[in-house]
Amino acid sequence: MARNQQPVTVTKDDWVQLTGGNATKITWQIATNEEKTNGVYLRVTSNTTAPTEVYGLRFSAWDDPEINRTITDYQAGVAGANRVWVKAVKDSLVVVVSDDSV
């Protein structure tokens, strides 16, 4: 089900799915932890299986929000990507997310 400005708690130990289901567009922003060295790693998948990689695209707590991005903007090598996952770089934090998932 689509998320509408929902807070999602993200830890450094596990990949957490940001999208509420299969999605084509997402808007998200790191809402807590102003420490510049923290942030999230981001990966996408085409199913409900969490990534197994240690790292992904890195976004800092100081970056601007990612507004109305298509999931394919992040896909780099993942055919049919429709799920977005994040993992905290250092400390747990909260990400606020909206998407168009079904």
C-alpha atoms as a PDB file:
ATOM      1  CA  MET A   1       0.000   0.000   0.000  1.00  0.00           C
ATOM      2  CA  ALA A   2       1.241   3.491  -0.829  1.00  0.00           C
ATOM      3  CA  ARG A   3       3.009   5.445   1.866  1.00  0.00           C
ATOM      4  CA  ASN A   4       1.973   9.044   2.459  1.00  0.00           C
ATOM      5  CA  GLN A   5       4.605  10.988   4.416  1.00  0.00           C
ATOM      6  CA  GLN A   6       5.173   8.043   6.746  1.00  0.00           C
ATOM      7  CA  PRO A   7       8.189   7.928   9.050  1.00  0.00           C
ATOM      8  CA  VAL A   8      10.309   4.786   8.671  1.00  0.00           C
ATOM      9  CA  THR A   9      12.955   3.871  11.250  1.00  0.00           C
ATOM     10  CA  VAL A  10      16.190   2.726   9.605  1.00  0.00           C
ATOM     11  CA  THR A  11      18.984   0.857  11.395  1.00  0.00           C
ATOM     12  CA  LYS A  12      22.576   0.197  10.377  1.00  0.00           C
ATOM     13  CA  ASP A  13      22.251  -3.573  10.620  1.00  0.00           C
ATOM     14  CA  ASP A  14      19.408  -4.382   8.223  1.00  0.00           C
ATOM     15  CA  TRP A  15      18.039  -3.211   4.886  1.00  0.00           C
ATOM     16  CA  VAL A  16      14.607  -1.611   5.416  1.00  0.00           C
ATOM     17  CA  GLN A  17      12.135  -1.305   2.576  1.00  0.00           C
ATOM     18  CA  LEU A  18      11.049   2.299   2.010  1.00  0.00           C
ATOM     19  CA  THR A  19       8.389   1.529  -0.571  1.00  0.00           C
ATOM     20  CA  GLY A  20       5.080   0.155   0.665  1.00  0.00           C
ATOM     21  CA  GLY A  21       4.914  -2.325  -2.246  1.00  0.00           C
ATOM     22  CA  ASN A  22       5.640  -2.235  -5.969  1.00  0.00           C
ATOM     23  CA  ALA A  23       6.219   1.424  -6.820  1.00  0.00           C
ATOM     24  CA  THR A  24       7.219   3.574  -9.783  1.00  0.00           C
ATOM     25  CA  LYS A  25       7.815   6.897  -7.958  1.00  0.00           C
ATOM     26  CA  ILE A  26       9.121   7.845  -4.536  1.00  0.00           C
ATOM     27  CA  THR A  27       9.762  10.981  -2.470  1.00  0.00           C
ATOM     28  CA  TRP A  28      11.912  10.648   0.629  1.00  0.00           C
ATOM     29  CA  GLN A  29      14.043  12.610   3.068  1.00  0.00           C
ATOM     30  CA  ILE A  30      16.200  11.796   6.080  1.00  0.00           C
ATOM     31  CA  ALA A  31      14.300  13.400   8.962  1.00  0.00           C
ATOM     32  CA  THR A  32      16.617  12.855  11.940  1.00  0.00           C
ATOM     33  CA  ASN A  33      20.277  12.937  12.845  1.00  0.00           C
ATOM     34  CA  GLU A  34      21.906  16.118  11.629  1.00  0.00           C
ATOM     35  CA  GLU A  35      25.379  14.576  11.825  1.00  0.00           C
ATOM     36  CA  LYS A  36      26.935  14.949   8.380  1.00  0.00           C
ATOM     37  CA  THR A  37      28.815  11.642   8.630  1.00  0.00           C
ATOM     38  CA  ASN A  38      25.582   9.671   8.961  1.00  0.00           C
ATOM     39  CA  GLY A  39      23.093   8.944   6.250  1.00  0.00           C
ATOM     40  CA  VAL A  40      21.788   5.949   4.344  1.00  0.00           C
ATOM     41  CA  TYR A  41      22.877   3.479   1.725  1.00  0.00           C
ATOM     42  CA  LEU A  42      20.174   2.922  -0.901  1.00  0.00           C
ATOM     43  CA  ARG A  43      19.578  -0.094  -3.152  1.00  0.00           C
ATOM     44  CA  VAL A  44      16.663  -1.215  -5.318  1.00  0.00           C
ATOM     45  CA  THR A  45      15.224  -4.635  -6.080  1.00  0.00           C
ATOM     46  CA  SER A  46      12.537  -6.044  -8.339  1.00  0.00           C
ATOM     47  CA  ASN A  47      11.029  -8.214  -5.580  1.00  0.00           C
ATOM     48  CA  THR A  48      10.475  -8.384  -1.816  1.00  0.00           C
ATOM     49  CA  THR A  49      13.872  -9.914  -1.060  1.00  0.00           C
ATOM     50  CA  ALA A  50      16.148  -7.519   0.817  1.00  0.00           C
ATOM     51  CA  PRO A  51      19.526  -6.764  -0.772  1.00  0.00           C
ATOM     52  CA  THR A  52      22.503  -8.759   0.464  1.00  0.00           C
ATOM     53  CA  GLU A  53      25.158  -6.184  -0.434  1.00  0.00           C
ATOM     54  CA  VAL A  54      26.874  -4.211   2.317  1.00  0.00           C
ATOM     55  CA  TYR A  55      26.781  -0.815   0.553  1.00  0.00           C
ATOM     56  CA  GLY A  56      24.644   1.096  -1.929  1.00  0.00           C
ATOM     57  CA  LEU A  57      24.177   4.630  -3.204  1.00  0.00           C
ATOM     58  CA  ARG A  58      25.029   6.923  -0.298  1.00  0.00           C
ATOM     59  CA  PHE A  59      22.883   9.836   0.816  1.00  0.00           C
ATOM     60  CA  SER A  60      23.842  12.171   3.667  1.00  0.00           C
ATOM     61  CA  ALA A  61      21.562  13.597   6.331  1.00  0.00           C
ATOM     62  CA  TRP A  62      22.386  17.002   4.805  1.00  0.00           C
ATOM     63  CA  ASP A  63      21.305  16.127   1.252  1.00  0.00           C
ATOM     64  CA  ASP A  64      18.182  17.691  -0.208  1.00  0.00           C
ATOM     65  CA  PRO A  65      15.091  15.490  -0.283  1.00  0.00           C
ATOM     66  CA  GLU A  66      14.665  13.141  -3.224  1.00  0.00           C
ATOM     67  CA  ILE A  67      11.405  14.458  -4.694  1.00  0.00           C
ATOM     68  CA  ASN A  68       9.164  12.517  -7.085  1.00  0.00           C
ATOM     69  CA  ARG A  69      12.001  10.287  -8.328  1.00  0.00           C
ATOM     70  CA  THR A  70      11.232   7.301 -10.488  1.00  0.00           C
ATOM     71  CA  ILE A  71      12.508   4.026  -9.077  1.00  0.00           C
ATOM     72  CA  THR A  72      14.381   3.461 -12.335  1.00  0.00           C
ATOM     73  CA  ASP A  73      16.522   6.538 -11.477  1.00  0.00           C
ATOM     74  CA  TYR A  74      18.195   4.311  -8.881  1.00  0.00           C
ATOM     75  CA  GLN A  75      18.148   0.995 -10.715  1.00  0.00           C
ATOM     76  CA  ALA A  76      21.696   0.686 -12.161  1.00  0.00           C
ATOM     77  CA  GLY A  77      21.717  -2.893 -13.330  1.00  0.00           C
ATOM     78  CA  VAL A  78      18.449  -4.062 -11.755  1.00  0.00           C
ATOM     79  CA  ALA A  79      15.873  -4.851 -14.434  1.00  0.00           C
ATOM     80  CA  GLY A  80      12.313  -3.990 -13.447  1.00  0.00           C
ATOM     81  CA  ALA A  81      13.249  -2.329 -10.148  1.00  0.00           C
ATOM     82  CA  ASN A  82      10.154  -1.451  -8.096  1.00  0.00           C
ATOM     83  CA  ARG A  83      11.283  -1.581  -4.444  1.00  0.00           C
ATOM     84  CA  VAL A  84      13.610   0.845  -2.623  1.00  0.00           C
ATOM     85  CA  TRP A  85      15.646  -0.273   0.401  1.00  0.00           C
ATOM     86  CA  VAL A  86      17.891   1.718   2.764  1.00  0.00           C
ATOM     87  CA  LYS A  87      20.302   0.968   5.589  1.00  0.00           C
ATOM     88  CA  ALA A  88      21.805   3.534   7.967  1.00  0.00           C
ATOM     89  CA  VAL A  89      25.487   4.279   7.483  1.00  0.00           C
ATOM     90  CA  LYS A  90      26.279   4.789  11.176  1.00  0.00           C
ATOM     91  CA  ASP A  91      23.399   5.338  13.612  1.00  0.00           C
ATOM     92  CA  SER A  92      19.677   4.620  13.426  1.00  0.00           C
ATOM     93  CA  LEU A  93      17.620   7.397  11.897  1.00  0.00           C
ATOM     94  CA  VAL A  94      14.172   8.182  10.531  1.00  0.00           C
ATOM     95  CA  VAL A  95      13.307   8.631   6.871  1.00  0.00           C
ATOM     96  CA  VAL A  96      10.001  10.180   5.818  1.00  0.00           C
ATOM     97  CA  VAL A  97       8.666   8.642   2.617  1.00  0.00           C
ATOM     98  CA  SER A  98       5.791   8.902   0.160  1.00  0.00           C
ATOM     99  CA  ASP A  99       5.343   6.612  -2.825  1.00  0.00           C
ATOM    100  CA  ASP A 100       2.795   5.393  -5.356  1.00  0.00           C
ATOM    101  CA  SER A 101       3.003   1.692  -4.472  1.00  0.00           C
ATOM    102  CA  VAL A 102       0.132  -0.716  -4.785  1.00  0.00           C
END
